[in-house]
Protein backbone atom coordinates (compact mmCIF):
# COMPACT_ATOMS: atom_id res chain seq x y z
CA MET A 1 153.62 72.95 115.34
CA SER A 2 154.64 70.62 112.44
CA TRP A 3 156.33 67.46 113.09
CA TRP A 4 159.41 68.71 110.43
CA TRP A 5 159.59 72.19 112.38
CA ALA A 6 159.53 69.86 115.69
CA GLY A 7 162.06 67.45 114.92
CA ALA A 8 164.77 70.52 114.12
CA ILE A 9 164.65 70.95 118.34
CA GLY A 10 164.76 67.30 118.57
CA ALA A 11 160.71 66.04 119.13
CA ALA A 12 161.40 63.46 116.93
CA ARG A 13 164.15 61.76 118.84
CA LYS A 14 161.57 60.94 121.62
CA LYS A 15 161.53 56.94 122.71
CA PHE A 16 158.59 54.98 121.03
CA ASP A 17 156.13 54.63 123.80
CA GLU A 18 155.10 51.46 124.35
CA ASP A 19 151.07 52.44 125.27
CA SER A 20 151.31 53.51 121.17
CA GLY A 21 150.53 50.35 119.82
CA GLY A 22 153.03 50.50 117.34
CA GLY A 23 155.07 47.36 118.49
CA GLY A 24 152.49 44.87 119.52
CA ALA A 25 151.42 42.07 117.65
CA ALA A 26 147.68 43.49 116.44
CA ALA A 27 149.09 46.90 115.51
CA LYS A 28 148.41 48.10 112.45
CA PHE A 29 151.35 49.54 109.73
CA PRO A 30 149.86 51.80 107.48
CA SER A 31 153.30 52.61 106.21
CA VAL A 32 155.98 49.92 105.51
CA GLY A 33 159.82 51.45 104.84
CA LEU A 34 162.77 49.27 103.60
CA VAL A 35 165.58 51.35 104.67
CA ILE A 36 168.69 49.87 102.14
CA GLY A 37 171.56 50.26 103.81
CA VAL A 38 170.41 50.48 107.56
CA THR A 39 173.73 50.15 109.24
CA GLY A 40 175.16 53.05 107.24
CA ILE A 41 175.27 56.51 108.70
CA VAL A 42 171.73 57.55 107.70
CA GLY A 43 170.23 54.49 107.57
CA ASN A 44 171.00 53.68 111.26
CA SER A 45 168.76 57.34 111.64
CA LEU A 46 166.12 56.01 109.49
CA ALA A 47 165.88 52.87 111.74
CA GLU A 48 165.58 54.89 114.98
CA ILE A 49 163.39 57.71 113.84
CA LEU A 50 161.04 55.97 111.43
CA PRO A 51 159.25 53.63 114.15
CA LEU A 52 158.47 56.25 116.78
CA ALA A 53 155.26 57.34 117.44
CA ASP A 54 155.07 60.77 116.06
CA THR A 55 156.97 59.90 113.12
CA PRO A 56 154.47 61.34 109.83
CA GLY A 57 152.89 58.66 107.74
CA GLY A 58 152.81 56.11 110.72
CA PRO A 59 152.63 53.86 112.33
CA TRP A 60 155.77 52.34 110.41
CA LYS A 61 157.10 49.09 110.03
CA VAL A 62 160.46 48.72 108.81
CA TYR A 63 162.88 46.24 107.23
CA GLY A 64 166.31 47.19 107.37
CA VAL A 65 168.71 45.36 105.03
CA SER A 66 172.27 45.18 105.14
CA ARG A 67 175.06 43.19 103.80
CA ARG A 68 176.64 42.55 107.23
CA PRO A 69 174.75 41.07 110.03
CA HIS A 70 172.58 43.06 112.42
CA PRO A 71 175.17 44.94 114.38
CA SER A 72 174.70 44.73 118.33
CA SER A 73 174.68 48.73 118.47
CA LEU A 74 171.55 49.02 116.11
CA ALA A 75 169.82 46.09 118.14
CA SER A 76 169.91 47.95 121.04
CA GLN A 77 169.12 51.47 119.60
CA THR A 78 166.05 49.75 117.68
CA GLU A 79 164.91 47.33 120.67
CA GLY A 80 161.08 47.24 120.78
CA LEU A 81 160.53 49.06 117.66
CA ALA A 82 158.79 47.51 115.18
CA ILE A 83 161.94 46.86 112.73
CA GLU A 84 162.82 43.78 111.22
CA HIS A 85 166.55 43.35 109.85
CA VAL A 86 167.25 41.43 106.46
CA GLN A 87 170.79 40.45 105.85
CA CYS A 88 170.92 40.55 102.15
CA ASP A 89 174.01 41.10 99.54
CA ILE A 90 172.15 43.57 97.14
CA SER A 91 174.96 43.54 94.56
CA ASP A 92 174.01 39.60 93.95
CA ARG A 93 170.99 39.86 91.81
CA GLU A 94 169.65 36.22 92.79
CA ASP A 95 170.07 37.15 96.77
CA ALA A 96 168.20 40.55 95.90
CA LEU A 97 165.55 38.42 94.18
CA ALA A 98 165.19 35.96 97.50
CA LYS A 99 165.38 38.19 99.80
CA LEU A 100 163.57 41.45 98.77
CA SER A 101 160.71 40.12 96.41
CA PRO A 102 158.84 38.36 99.48
CA LEU A 103 158.52 41.61 100.96
CA THR A 104 155.29 42.50 99.24
CA ASP A 105 153.99 45.32 102.31
CA VAL A 106 156.38 47.74 101.36
CA THR A 107 154.82 51.11 100.59
CA HIS A 108 158.29 52.98 100.84
CA ILE A 109 161.94 52.43 99.59
CA PHE A 110 164.68 54.34 101.70
CA TYR A 111 168.17 53.55 99.07
CA VAL A 112 170.78 54.86 101.16
CA ALA A 113 173.26 52.42 100.33
CA TRP A 114 176.62 52.77 98.23
CA VAL A 115 180.13 51.27 97.85
CA ASN A 116 183.58 53.11 97.13
CA ARG A 117 185.56 51.32 94.51
CA SER A 118 188.97 52.70 93.27
CA THR A 119 187.52 53.95 89.87
CA GLU A 120 184.45 56.13 88.92
CA ALA A 121 184.05 53.21 86.09
CA GLU A 122 184.13 50.52 89.05
CA ASN A 123 181.76 53.03 90.96
CA ARG A 124 179.10 53.15 88.08
CA GLU A 125 179.09 49.18 87.58
CA ILE A 126 178.74 48.30 91.06
CA ASN A 127 176.50 50.88 92.55
CA SER A 128 174.21 50.83 89.17
CA ALA A 129 173.74 46.87 90.16
CA MET A 130 172.82 47.17 93.50
CA LEU A 131 169.83 50.38 92.69
CA ARG A 132 168.62 47.80 89.46
CA ASN A 133 168.53 44.51 91.73
CA VAL A 134 166.82 46.17 94.30
CA LEU A 135 163.93 48.32 92.42
CA THR A 136 163.73 45.03 89.84
CA ALA A 137 163.09 42.64 92.90
CA VAL A 138 160.25 45.17 95.13
CA ILE A 139 158.61 47.26 92.38
CA PRO A 140 156.97 44.41 90.70
CA ASN A 141 156.13 42.73 93.80
CA ALA A 142 154.66 45.31 96.17
CA PRO A 143 151.37 46.31 95.05
CA ASN A 144 151.02 49.20 97.39
CA LEU A 145 154.57 50.74 96.89
CA GLN A 146 154.24 54.83 96.55
CA HIS A 147 157.16 56.36 97.09
CA VAL A 148 161.18 55.67 96.56
CA CYS A 149 163.95 58.10 98.18
CA LEU A 150 167.41 58.09 96.44
CA GLN A 151 170.07 59.50 98.32
CA THR A 152 172.97 60.68 96.55
CA GLY A 153 175.39 63.70 97.56
CA ARG A 154 176.89 67.09 96.93
CA LYS A 155 179.44 65.21 94.23
CA HIS A 156 176.56 65.68 91.78
CA TYR A 157 177.75 69.55 91.48
CA LEU A 158 181.23 68.78 92.08
CA GLY A 159 182.03 65.73 89.91
CA SER A 160 183.34 62.21 91.48
CA PHE A 161 186.21 61.97 93.50
CA GLU A 162 188.03 60.91 90.81
CA SER A 163 187.30 64.07 88.80
CA LEU A 164 187.76 66.46 91.74
CA GLY A 165 190.53 69.08 90.27
CA LYS A 166 190.52 67.72 86.75
CA VAL A 167 186.77 68.99 85.96
CA LYS A 168 185.24 72.44 86.60
CA GLY A 169 182.34 72.07 89.09
CA HIS A 170 179.44 74.35 89.65
CA GLU A 171 179.78 77.83 90.87
CA PRO A 172 178.20 77.54 94.51
CA PRO A 173 175.82 78.21 96.22
CA PHE A 174 174.27 74.70 94.60
CA VAL A 175 170.55 74.97 93.71
CA GLU A 176 169.20 71.60 92.52
CA ASP A 177 168.65 72.72 88.82
CA LEU A 178 171.99 72.66 87.91
CA PRO A 179 173.06 70.78 84.64
CA ARG A 180 174.89 67.48 85.50
CA LEU A 181 178.52 68.10 84.53
CA ASP A 182 180.07 66.93 81.65
CA CYS A 183 181.68 63.58 83.31
CA PRO A 184 181.26 60.39 84.54
CA ASN A 185 179.11 60.22 87.87
CA PHE A 186 177.74 57.14 89.16
CA TYR A 187 174.88 59.52 90.89
CA TYR A 188 174.06 60.55 87.68
CA ASP A 189 173.40 56.58 86.58
CA LEU A 190 171.81 56.22 89.71
CA GLU A 191 168.94 58.84 88.80
CA ASP A 192 168.47 57.37 85.50
CA ILE A 193 167.96 54.14 86.74
CA LEU A 194 165.14 55.47 89.23
CA PHE A 195 163.37 57.36 86.62
CA GLU A 196 163.20 54.10 84.40
CA GLU A 197 162.43 51.56 86.83
CA VAL A 198 159.59 53.92 88.73
CA ALA A 199 158.23 54.87 84.92
CA LYS A 200 157.40 51.12 84.90
CA ARG A 201 154.10 51.87 87.57
CA GLU A 202 152.83 54.40 85.28
CA GLY A 203 152.97 57.19 87.64
CA ALA A 204 151.78 55.11 90.64
CA VAL A 205 154.96 54.87 92.68
CA THR A 206 157.12 58.62 93.20
CA TRP A 207 160.32 59.50 93.83
CA SER A 208 162.68 62.03 96.01
CA ILE A 209 166.13 62.53 95.25
CA HIS A 210 168.02 63.84 98.43
CA ARG A 211 171.61 65.42 98.31
CA PRO A 212 173.22 65.87 101.41
CA THR A 213 177.02 67.36 101.84
CA ASN A 214 179.49 65.71 104.79
CA ILE A 215 177.36 63.98 106.86
CA PHE A 216 177.60 64.30 110.67
CA GLY A 217 176.13 61.09 112.26
CA PHE A 218 176.84 57.81 114.00
CA SER A 219 177.61 54.12 112.66
CA PRO A 220 179.39 51.42 113.74
CA SER A 221 180.42 50.24 110.00
CA SER A 222 180.01 53.11 107.70
CA LEU A 223 183.83 53.90 106.05
CA MET A 224 182.97 57.27 104.83
CA ASN A 225 181.57 58.47 108.36
CA LEU A 226 183.75 61.56 108.86
CA MET A 227 182.41 62.12 112.71
CA GLY A 228 183.85 58.90 113.64
CA ILE A 229 186.99 59.22 111.73
CA LEU A 230 188.09 62.58 113.40
CA CYS A 231 187.04 60.94 117.02
CA VAL A 232 189.31 58.01 115.96
CA TYR A 233 192.14 60.48 115.61
CA ALA A 234 191.46 62.28 118.27
CA ALA A 235 191.63 59.27 120.49
CA ILE A 236 194.91 58.05 118.80
CA CYS A 237 196.45 61.57 119.82
CA ARG A 238 195.41 61.37 123.10
CA ARG A 239 196.94 57.95 123.87
CA GLU A 240 200.04 59.08 122.10
CA GLY A 241 200.23 62.41 123.96
CA VAL A 242 200.22 64.71 121.25
CA PRO A 243 198.65 67.67 119.82
CA LEU A 244 195.59 67.26 117.41
CA ARG A 245 197.26 68.95 114.57
CA TRP A 246 195.16 70.24 111.74
CA PRO A 247 196.05 68.25 108.46
CA GLY A 248 193.50 70.53 105.82
CA SER A 249 193.65 73.36 104.02
CA ARG A 250 193.50 77.21 105.12
CA VAL A 251 190.40 77.06 102.79
CA LEU A 252 188.77 74.92 105.05
CA TRP A 253 190.15 76.21 108.29
CA GLU A 254 189.40 79.79 107.90
CA GLY A 255 186.50 79.61 104.84
CA PHE A 256 182.59 78.72 105.19
CA SER A 257 181.33 75.23 105.26
CA ASP A 258 178.06 73.56 105.55
CA ALA A 259 177.15 69.99 107.38
CA SER A 260 174.22 67.65 106.79
CA ASP A 261 173.05 66.19 110.56
CA ALA A 262 172.49 62.19 109.77
CA ASP A 263 168.77 62.71 111.68
CA LEU A 264 168.13 65.49 109.59
CA ILE A 265 168.66 63.90 106.24
CA ALA A 266 166.27 60.95 107.64
CA GLU A 267 163.41 63.35 108.95
CA HIS A 268 164.08 65.14 104.83
CA GLN A 269 163.63 61.79 103.32
CA ILE A 270 160.34 60.83 105.51
CA TRP A 271 159.09 64.24 104.67
CA ALA A 272 159.50 64.01 100.91
CA ALA A 273 157.90 60.30 101.39
CA VAL A 274 155.02 61.59 102.58
CA ASP A 275 154.24 65.33 101.50
CA PRO A 276 152.11 65.39 98.32
CA TYR A 277 153.93 68.95 97.57
CA ALA A 278 157.35 67.00 98.02
CA LYS A 279 157.04 64.30 95.02
CA ASN A 280 159.16 63.57 91.82
CA GLU A 281 161.37 66.31 93.14
CA ALA A 282 165.55 66.55 93.55
CA PHE A 283 166.43 68.64 97.15
CA ASN A 284 169.74 69.57 98.69
CA CYS A 285 169.62 68.60 102.25
CA SER A 286 172.26 70.61 104.76
CA ASN A 287 171.79 71.87 108.45
CA GLY A 288 170.71 75.28 107.22
CA ASP A 289 173.97 77.26 108.73
CA VAL A 290 177.15 77.60 108.11
CA PHE A 291 180.43 77.09 110.07
CA LYS A 292 184.30 76.94 110.20
CA TRP A 293 186.64 74.03 111.10
CA LYS A 294 188.59 76.32 113.30
CA HIS A 295 185.81 76.86 115.37
CA LEU A 296 184.95 73.11 115.42
CA TRP A 297 188.57 71.44 116.19
CA PRO A 298 189.06 73.08 119.26
CA LEU A 299 185.57 71.19 120.35
CA LEU A 300 186.82 68.14 119.31
CA ALA A 301 190.02 68.57 121.28
CA LYS A 302 187.93 69.37 124.38
CA GLU A 303 185.90 66.57 124.06
CA PHE A 304 189.25 63.96 123.87
CA GLY A 305 191.06 66.51 126.67
CA VAL A 306 193.92 67.01 124.00
CA GLU A 307 195.83 70.61 123.14
CA TRP A 308 194.99 71.63 119.70
CA VAL A 309 196.99 72.92 116.59
CA GLY A 310 195.56 74.80 113.54
CA TYR A 311 196.43 75.84 110.28
CA GLN A 312 200.31 76.63 110.24
CA GLY A 313 200.80 77.12 106.49
CA GLU A 314 201.04 75.03 103.42
CA GLU A 315 204.65 73.84 104.87
CA ALA A 316 203.34 72.37 107.64
CA ARG A 317 200.67 70.49 106.16
CA PHE A 318 200.34 66.72 105.87
CA LYS A 319 197.86 63.61 105.03
CA LEU A 320 195.97 61.45 107.85
CA GLU A 321 196.63 58.70 105.64
CA ASP A 322 200.31 59.12 106.49
CA ALA A 323 200.51 59.89 109.89
CA MET A 324 198.05 56.85 110.75
CA LYS A 325 200.31 54.39 108.90
CA GLY A 326 201.28 51.64 111.27
CA LYS A 327 198.76 52.41 114.10
CA GLU A 328 196.83 49.43 113.65
CA GLY A 329 198.50 47.64 116.76
CA LEU A 330 198.20 50.61 118.90
CA TRP A 331 194.41 50.86 118.27
CA GLU A 332 193.95 47.08 119.02
CA LYS A 333 195.53 47.72 122.44
CA MET A 334 193.31 50.72 122.59
CA VAL A 335 190.08 48.41 122.34
CA ALA A 336 191.69 45.98 124.43
CA GLU A 337 192.52 48.34 127.57
CA HIS A 338 189.05 50.24 127.20
CA GLU A 339 186.70 47.26 126.69
CA LEU A 340 185.72 49.28 123.15
CA ALA A 341 183.31 47.77 120.40
CA PRO A 342 185.52 44.98 118.71
CA THR A 343 186.94 46.91 115.85
CA ARG A 344 190.22 47.12 113.42
CA LEU A 345 191.57 50.59 112.44
CA GLU A 346 191.00 50.12 108.87
CA GLN A 347 187.27 50.00 109.77
CA VAL A 348 187.25 53.36 111.57
CA GLY A 349 189.72 54.97 110.33
CA ASN A 350 189.28 55.54 106.29
CA TRP A 351 192.00 58.17 106.16
CA TRP A 352 192.16 59.16 102.51
CA PHE A 353 188.40 60.14 102.93
CA ALA A 354 188.89 62.76 105.78
CA ASP A 355 192.00 63.80 103.83
CA VAL A 356 189.60 64.62 100.68
CA VAL A 357 186.97 66.07 102.68
CA LEU A 358 189.36 68.69 104.96
CA GLY A 359 191.82 69.28 102.02
CA LEU A 360 189.24 70.89 99.76
CA GLU A 361 190.73 74.13 97.96
CA GLU A 362 187.34 76.11 97.89
CA GLU A 363 184.51 76.75 99.78
CA TYR A 364 181.56 74.76 98.99
CA LEU A 365 177.84 75.40 99.98
CA ASP A 366 174.20 74.54 98.82
CA SER A 367 170.81 76.35 99.26
CA MET A 368 168.12 74.96 101.12
CA ASN A 369 165.64 77.33 99.61
CA LYS A 370 163.78 74.60 97.57
CA SER A 371 163.29 72.66 100.30
CA LYS A 372 161.84 75.16 102.40
CA GLU A 373 159.71 76.26 99.66
CA HIS A 374 157.97 73.20 99.53
CA GLY A 375 157.46 72.99 103.15
CA PHE A 376 160.27 71.33 104.92
CA LEU A 377 161.76 73.75 107.59
CA GLY A 378 163.68 71.19 109.89
CA PHE A 379 167.36 72.70 110.79
CA ARG A 380 170.17 71.78 112.58
CA ASN A 381 172.65 73.97 114.56
CA THR A 382 175.75 72.44 113.32
CA VAL A 383 177.89 72.75 116.52
CA THR A 384 175.27 71.07 118.53
CA SER A 385 175.56 68.36 115.81
CA PHE A 386 179.28 67.82 116.23
CA ASN A 387 179.09 67.64 119.70
CA SER A 388 176.20 65.23 120.17
CA TRP A 389 177.35 63.13 117.37
CA ILE A 390 180.85 62.72 119.49
CA ASP A 391 179.00 62.15 122.55
CA LYS A 392 176.86 58.95 120.47
CA ILE A 393 179.84 57.71 119.46
CA LYS A 394 181.87 57.44 123.16
CA ALA A 395 178.35 55.92 124.26
CA TYR A 396 178.41 53.28 121.79
CA LYS A 397 182.05 52.76 122.82
CA ILE A 398 183.79 52.95 119.44
CA VAL A 399 186.01 55.21 120.85
CA PRO A 400 187.10 56.11 124.78
């Protein structure tokens, strides 16, 4: 059974065996991964999966790069594994050169970082600078570099947050060879920078582009963590003794949606990094099934012991951003009462993002055919994924 298939039912989540030699001082590492954005949702999964004994291409040594200090939650997850944290602000060209240029043993880059600004013009500027700083620091100085994985997303087919509802996106299901939309999109800029920088090695370095949809995963610090946001909302509902009300559209409540499990995305990127048939291609990455939010919503309510209310018509719709105003003090009390990980509400409740995701007025689905045709057979049961990430968010004391 191939790892890509076995990983779909959890084999890739086995803990690293100390007897495998992966963490000893004398271990040899045929592959050295540089994870840019290691404290994010997918970066967190890559940090857990890459060093495992059965991960293809291994044993892997991993450098995990983030602007923030190494979080205790990530440290506990990767204890005993061959991973070294590098604190670096990749938006600062000098810091990137100073911290990343010395990593001359890197063989694979996993770029899963991005920042969000108020306009797409600002997004294009800052995200382009970040990727270029990383590639210009690493590519000339890592003679054994083989592959660069770049993560973008479904906005490739829909347009930026700024363009939603203003530019006509593609008709789903989305396939990877659809043309770019005629609107500014920092995803397109990142692709162009990737092609330009990799070309400087004249074919010695390959690339892959990964386009997940809404990600179900765990991160103590990512602002675009839909699972974390929903868990915080449900916890606040329980604290206040009110029902968990659906804030989104009728289409999202009743229609079909799909999601991308963070561990699956990590497996997808590792596959593309080491499989010759996946080189120099762009791939969608979703779980391979569909779900309805009206089926997940009761599961979320059950996990937090609250009643739930579904879609009740347009007149009853509301925005989480409005409903959660003024809850900062309440969250501070909850953190203290339940001895949660120290967080502020603005760190764990990015309400506008959930409002955008849950307020869409059309069904959007992608196709995984290209990945399957190229040999990736991994999948996730989205209901199982949803429940497991709630459990993990609770286990790491982000919510009570």
